[in-house]
Amino acid sequence: MYDLIDQLVSLIINDEIYQTYLSSNKKLNDKQVKKLLKKHQDIQNQYFELKKYESYVSIDETKDSLKTIKKEMMNNEIIQKYYQDYYALNELLDELCQIIFKDISDEIVLKRY
């Protein structure tokens, strides 16, 4: 059984979908992309912190900044490609889970969404 699992892992690792995902993931290390992601994380942290005190302070400016940075991220080709490849890999892994676990139990929930 462990040999079969090793074979499956090897097939997944060598699959074009996984390799494409790895390539896209590495591109997230681009200096500009990292700067954009860091800025998003900082603004998001600030937003969540201010949200606790929403009844005392205005969070509109931070909310607008968060919307702006999210738009900027979604318009970034490297980030778009990463998410495309990420979802493709997840679809492959979901299909494998369906095949592997489908007859084990009726109580296992295989669909995430």
Protein backbone atom coordinates (compact mmCIF):
# COMPACT_ATOMS: atom_id res chain seq x y z
CA MET A 1 0.00 0.00 0.00
CA TYR A 2 2.81 2.42 0.83
CA ASP A 3 4.32 1.74 -2.58
CA LEU A 4 1.06 2.80 -4.20
CA ILE A 5 0.96 5.96 -2.13
CA ASP A 6 4.57 6.73 -3.09
CA GLN A 7 3.70 6.19 -6.75
CA LEU A 8 0.69 8.49 -6.47
CA VAL A 9 2.76 11.20 -4.78
CA SER A 10 5.41 10.86 -7.46
CA LEU A 11 2.80 11.17 -10.20
CA ILE A 12 1.33 14.28 -8.59
CA ILE A 13 4.74 15.89 -8.14
CA ASN A 14 5.64 15.23 -11.76
CA ASP A 15 2.27 16.32 -13.11
CA GLU A 16 2.20 19.44 -15.29
CA ILE A 17 -0.48 21.05 -13.10
CA TYR A 18 1.66 20.76 -9.98
CA GLN A 19 4.81 21.92 -11.77
CA THR A 20 2.96 24.94 -13.17
CA TYR A 21 1.69 25.75 -9.67
CA LEU A 22 5.24 25.57 -8.28
CA SER A 23 6.47 27.91 -10.98
CA SER A 24 3.71 30.42 -10.24
CA ASN A 25 4.37 30.14 -6.53
CA LYS A 26 8.05 30.97 -7.03
CA LYS A 27 7.11 34.07 -9.02
CA LEU A 28 5.32 35.41 -5.94
CA ASN A 29 8.83 36.08 -4.61
CA ASP A 30 9.18 38.90 -7.13
CA LYS A 31 10.23 42.06 -5.28
CA GLN A 32 7.22 44.12 -6.42
CA VAL A 33 4.75 41.32 -5.72
CA LYS A 34 6.16 40.76 -2.23
CA LYS A 35 5.90 44.48 -1.58
CA LEU A 36 2.27 44.48 -2.74
CA LEU A 37 1.40 41.43 -0.63
CA LYS A 38 3.09 42.95 2.42
CA LYS A 39 1.22 46.21 1.94
CA HIS A 40 -2.06 44.28 1.69
CA GLN A 41 -1.28 42.34 4.85
CA ASP A 42 -0.41 45.53 6.75
CA ILE A 43 -3.59 47.32 5.69
CA GLN A 44 -5.69 44.26 6.43
CA ASN A 45 -4.16 43.96 9.92
CA GLN A 46 -4.82 47.64 10.51
CA TYR A 47 -8.42 47.21 9.34
CA PHE A 48 -9.05 44.27 11.69
CA GLU A 49 -7.50 46.15 14.57
CA LEU A 50 -9.62 49.25 13.92
CA LYS A 51 -12.74 47.16 13.39
CA LYS A 52 -12.68 46.31 17.10
CA TYR A 53 -13.22 50.00 17.85
CA GLU A 54 -15.57 50.76 14.99
CA SER A 55 -18.12 52.40 17.25
CA TYR A 56 -15.45 54.88 18.43
CA VAL A 57 -13.41 55.59 15.29
CA SER A 58 -14.04 55.78 11.57
CA ILE A 59 -12.64 52.91 9.54
CA ASP A 60 -13.79 54.23 6.15
CA GLU A 61 -10.35 55.36 5.04
CA THR A 62 -8.76 52.04 5.96
CA LYS A 63 -11.63 50.17 4.30
CA ASP A 64 -11.09 52.18 1.11
CA SER A 65 -7.36 51.52 1.24
CA LEU A 66 -8.05 47.81 1.60
CA LYS A 67 -10.40 47.83 -1.41
CA THR A 68 -7.81 49.69 -3.47
CA ILE A 69 -4.97 47.31 -2.61
CA LYS A 70 -7.19 44.29 -3.30
CA LYS A 71 -7.99 45.67 -6.76
CA GLU A 72 -4.30 46.24 -7.35
CA MET A 73 -3.54 42.66 -6.32
CA MET A 74 -6.25 41.21 -8.53
CA ASN A 75 -4.93 43.19 -11.50
CA ASN A 76 -1.41 41.88 -10.97
CA GLU A 77 -0.65 39.23 -13.62
CA ILE A 78 1.66 37.21 -11.38
CA ILE A 79 -0.95 36.99 -8.62
CA GLN A 80 -3.71 36.19 -11.13
CA LYS A 81 -1.62 33.38 -12.62
CA TYR A 82 -0.80 32.03 -9.17
CA TYR A 83 -4.48 31.84 -8.21
CA GLN A 84 -5.36 30.21 -11.54
CA ASP A 85 -2.74 27.53 -11.00
CA TYR A 86 -3.63 27.16 -7.33
CA TYR A 87 -7.27 26.45 -8.17
CA ALA A 88 -6.28 24.04 -10.95
CA LEU A 89 -4.13 22.09 -8.50
CA ASN A 90 -6.94 22.02 -5.95
CA GLU A 91 -9.34 20.67 -8.57
CA LEU A 92 -6.88 17.88 -9.35
CA LEU A 93 -6.46 17.05 -5.66
CA ASP A 94 -10.23 17.15 -5.10
CA GLU A 95 -10.72 14.68 -7.96
CA LEU A 96 -8.11 12.38 -6.44
CA CYS A 97 -9.82 12.56 -3.06
CA GLN A 98 -13.14 11.66 -4.69
CA ILE A 99 -11.58 8.62 -6.32
CA ILE A 100 -9.62 7.47 -3.28
CA PHE A 101 -12.21 7.99 -0.56
CA LYS A 102 -15.55 7.65 -2.35
CA ASP A 103 -16.47 4.18 -1.05
CA ILE A 104 -14.92 4.32 2.41
CA SER A 105 -17.87 5.84 4.24
CA ASP A 106 -21.08 7.69 3.52
CA GLU A 107 -20.23 10.10 6.33
CA ILE A 108 -17.04 11.46 4.76
CA VAL A 109 -17.63 14.90 3.26
CA LEU A 110 -15.46 15.19 0.18
CA LYS A 111 -16.77 18.43 -1.26
CA ARG A 112 -15.39 21.60 0.30
CA TYR A 113 -17.92 23.91 -1.33
